[in-house]
Amino acid sequence: MLVGETLKMQKCFRIRKAQEMLHSTNWKVKEIVPKSGYQNINSFNRMFKKFTGMTPGEYRKKIE
């Protein structure tokens, strides 16, 4: 497997984990960021939008 593919799979896994937490908890996004493997909220928001097409806040509103 190529390194690029492995990194993409890892990012996808982290975003799916974040989606689960947004769905199943009332935690703030800033609390979810480190629990999903990110250290920087800006990087997290950018990657979340890249994979889902919406921000974490938009995603949470959509699933409510």
C-alpha atoms as a PDB file:
ATOM      1  CA  MET A   1       0.000   0.000   0.000  1.00  0.00           C
ATOM      2  CA  LEU A   2       1.276   3.447  -0.832  1.00  0.00           C
ATOM      3  CA  VAL A   3       2.056   5.924   1.927  1.00  0.00           C
ATOM      4  CA  GLY A   4      -0.422   8.438   0.485  1.00  0.00           C
ATOM      5  CA  GLU A   5      -3.224   5.892   0.569  1.00  0.00           C
ATOM      6  CA  THR A   6      -2.398   4.984   4.165  1.00  0.00           C
ATOM      7  CA  LEU A   7      -2.507   8.638   5.229  1.00  0.00           C
ATOM      8  CA  LYS A   8      -5.826   9.160   3.454  1.00  0.00           C
ATOM      9  CA  MET A   9      -7.289   6.097   5.209  1.00  0.00           C
ATOM     10  CA  GLN A  10      -6.031   7.395   8.564  1.00  0.00           C
ATOM     11  CA  LYS A  11      -7.613  10.812   7.966  1.00  0.00           C
ATOM     12  CA  CYS A  12     -10.865   9.175   6.901  1.00  0.00           C
ATOM     13  CA  PHE A  13     -10.885   7.044  10.057  1.00  0.00           C
ATOM     14  CA  ARG A  14     -10.333  10.126  12.240  1.00  0.00           C
ATOM     15  CA  ILE A  15     -13.147  12.045  10.566  1.00  0.00           C
ATOM     16  CA  ARG A  16     -15.530   9.097  10.925  1.00  0.00           C
ATOM     17  CA  LYS A  17     -14.620   8.919  14.598  1.00  0.00           C
ATOM     18  CA  ALA A  18     -15.358  12.647  14.906  1.00  0.00           C
ATOM     19  CA  GLN A  19     -18.702  12.174  13.135  1.00  0.00           C
ATOM     20  CA  GLU A  20     -19.640   9.492  15.649  1.00  0.00           C
ATOM     21  CA  MET A  21     -18.764  11.790  18.556  1.00  0.00           C
ATOM     22  CA  LEU A  22     -20.712  14.686  17.029  1.00  0.00           C
ATOM     23  CA  HIS A  23     -23.693  12.372  16.707  1.00  0.00           C
ATOM     24  CA  SER A  24     -23.537  10.589  20.054  1.00  0.00           C
ATOM     25  CA  THR A  25     -22.286  13.287  22.458  1.00  0.00           C
ATOM     26  CA  ASN A  26     -22.935  16.910  23.354  1.00  0.00           C
ATOM     27  CA  TRP A  27     -19.217  17.649  23.416  1.00  0.00           C
ATOM     28  CA  LYS A  28     -18.035  20.881  21.861  1.00  0.00           C
ATOM     29  CA  VAL A  29     -16.001  20.630  18.670  1.00  0.00           C
ATOM     30  CA  LYS A  30     -12.902  21.801  20.540  1.00  0.00           C
ATOM     31  CA  GLU A  31     -13.317  18.780  22.859  1.00  0.00           C
ATOM     32  CA  ILE A  32     -13.728  16.379  19.938  1.00  0.00           C
ATOM     33  CA  VAL A  33     -10.643  17.610  18.073  1.00  0.00           C
ATOM     34  CA  PRO A  34      -8.005  15.943  20.307  1.00  0.00           C
ATOM     35  CA  LYS A  35     -10.176  12.862  20.849  1.00  0.00           C
ATOM     36  CA  SER A  36     -10.228  12.296  17.099  1.00  0.00           C
ATOM     37  CA  GLY A  37      -6.455  12.542  16.752  1.00  0.00           C
ATOM     38  CA  TYR A  38      -6.025  16.176  15.755  1.00  0.00           C
ATOM     39  CA  GLN A  39      -4.029  18.779  17.635  1.00  0.00           C
ATOM     40  CA  ASN A  40      -5.147  21.832  15.690  1.00  0.00           C
ATOM     41  CA  ILE A  41      -8.795  22.854  15.323  1.00  0.00           C
ATOM     42  CA  ASN A  42      -8.132  24.607  12.006  1.00  0.00           C
ATOM     43  CA  SER A  43      -6.625  21.466  10.476  1.00  0.00           C
ATOM     44  CA  PHE A  44      -9.516  19.436  11.854  1.00  0.00           C
ATOM     45  CA  ASN A  45     -12.145  21.791  10.416  1.00  0.00           C
ATOM     46  CA  ARG A  46     -10.434  21.853   7.018  1.00  0.00           C
ATOM     47  CA  MET A  47     -10.143  18.063   6.858  1.00  0.00           C
ATOM     48  CA  PHE A  48     -13.688  17.521   8.147  1.00  0.00           C
ATOM     49  CA  LYS A  49     -15.074  19.784   5.418  1.00  0.00           C
ATOM     50  CA  LYS A  50     -12.917  18.090   2.783  1.00  0.00           C
ATOM     51  CA  PHE A  51     -14.312  14.652   3.673  1.00  0.00           C
ATOM     52  CA  THR A  52     -17.939  15.570   4.446  1.00  0.00           C
ATOM     53  CA  GLY A  53     -18.599  18.740   2.460  1.00  0.00           C
ATOM     54  CA  MET A  54     -19.634  20.641   5.582  1.00  0.00           C
ATOM     55  CA  THR A  55     -18.184  22.030   8.783  1.00  0.00           C
ATOM     56  CA  PRO A  56     -18.519  20.081  12.047  1.00  0.00           C
ATOM     57  CA  GLY A  57     -21.160  22.569  13.223  1.00  0.00           C
ATOM     58  CA  GLU A  58     -23.164  22.198  10.012  1.00  0.00           C
ATOM     59  CA  TYR A  59     -22.891  18.417  10.288  1.00  0.00           C
ATOM     60  CA  ARG A  60     -24.196  18.427  13.851  1.00  0.00           C
ATOM     61  CA  LYS A  61     -27.160  20.636  12.916  1.00  0.00           C
ATOM     62  CA  LYS A  62     -27.986  18.345   9.999  1.00  0.00           C
ATOM     63  CA  ILE A  63     -28.127  15.218  12.164  1.00  0.00           C
ATOM     64  CA  GLU A  64     -30.185  16.769  14.976  1.00  0.00           C
END
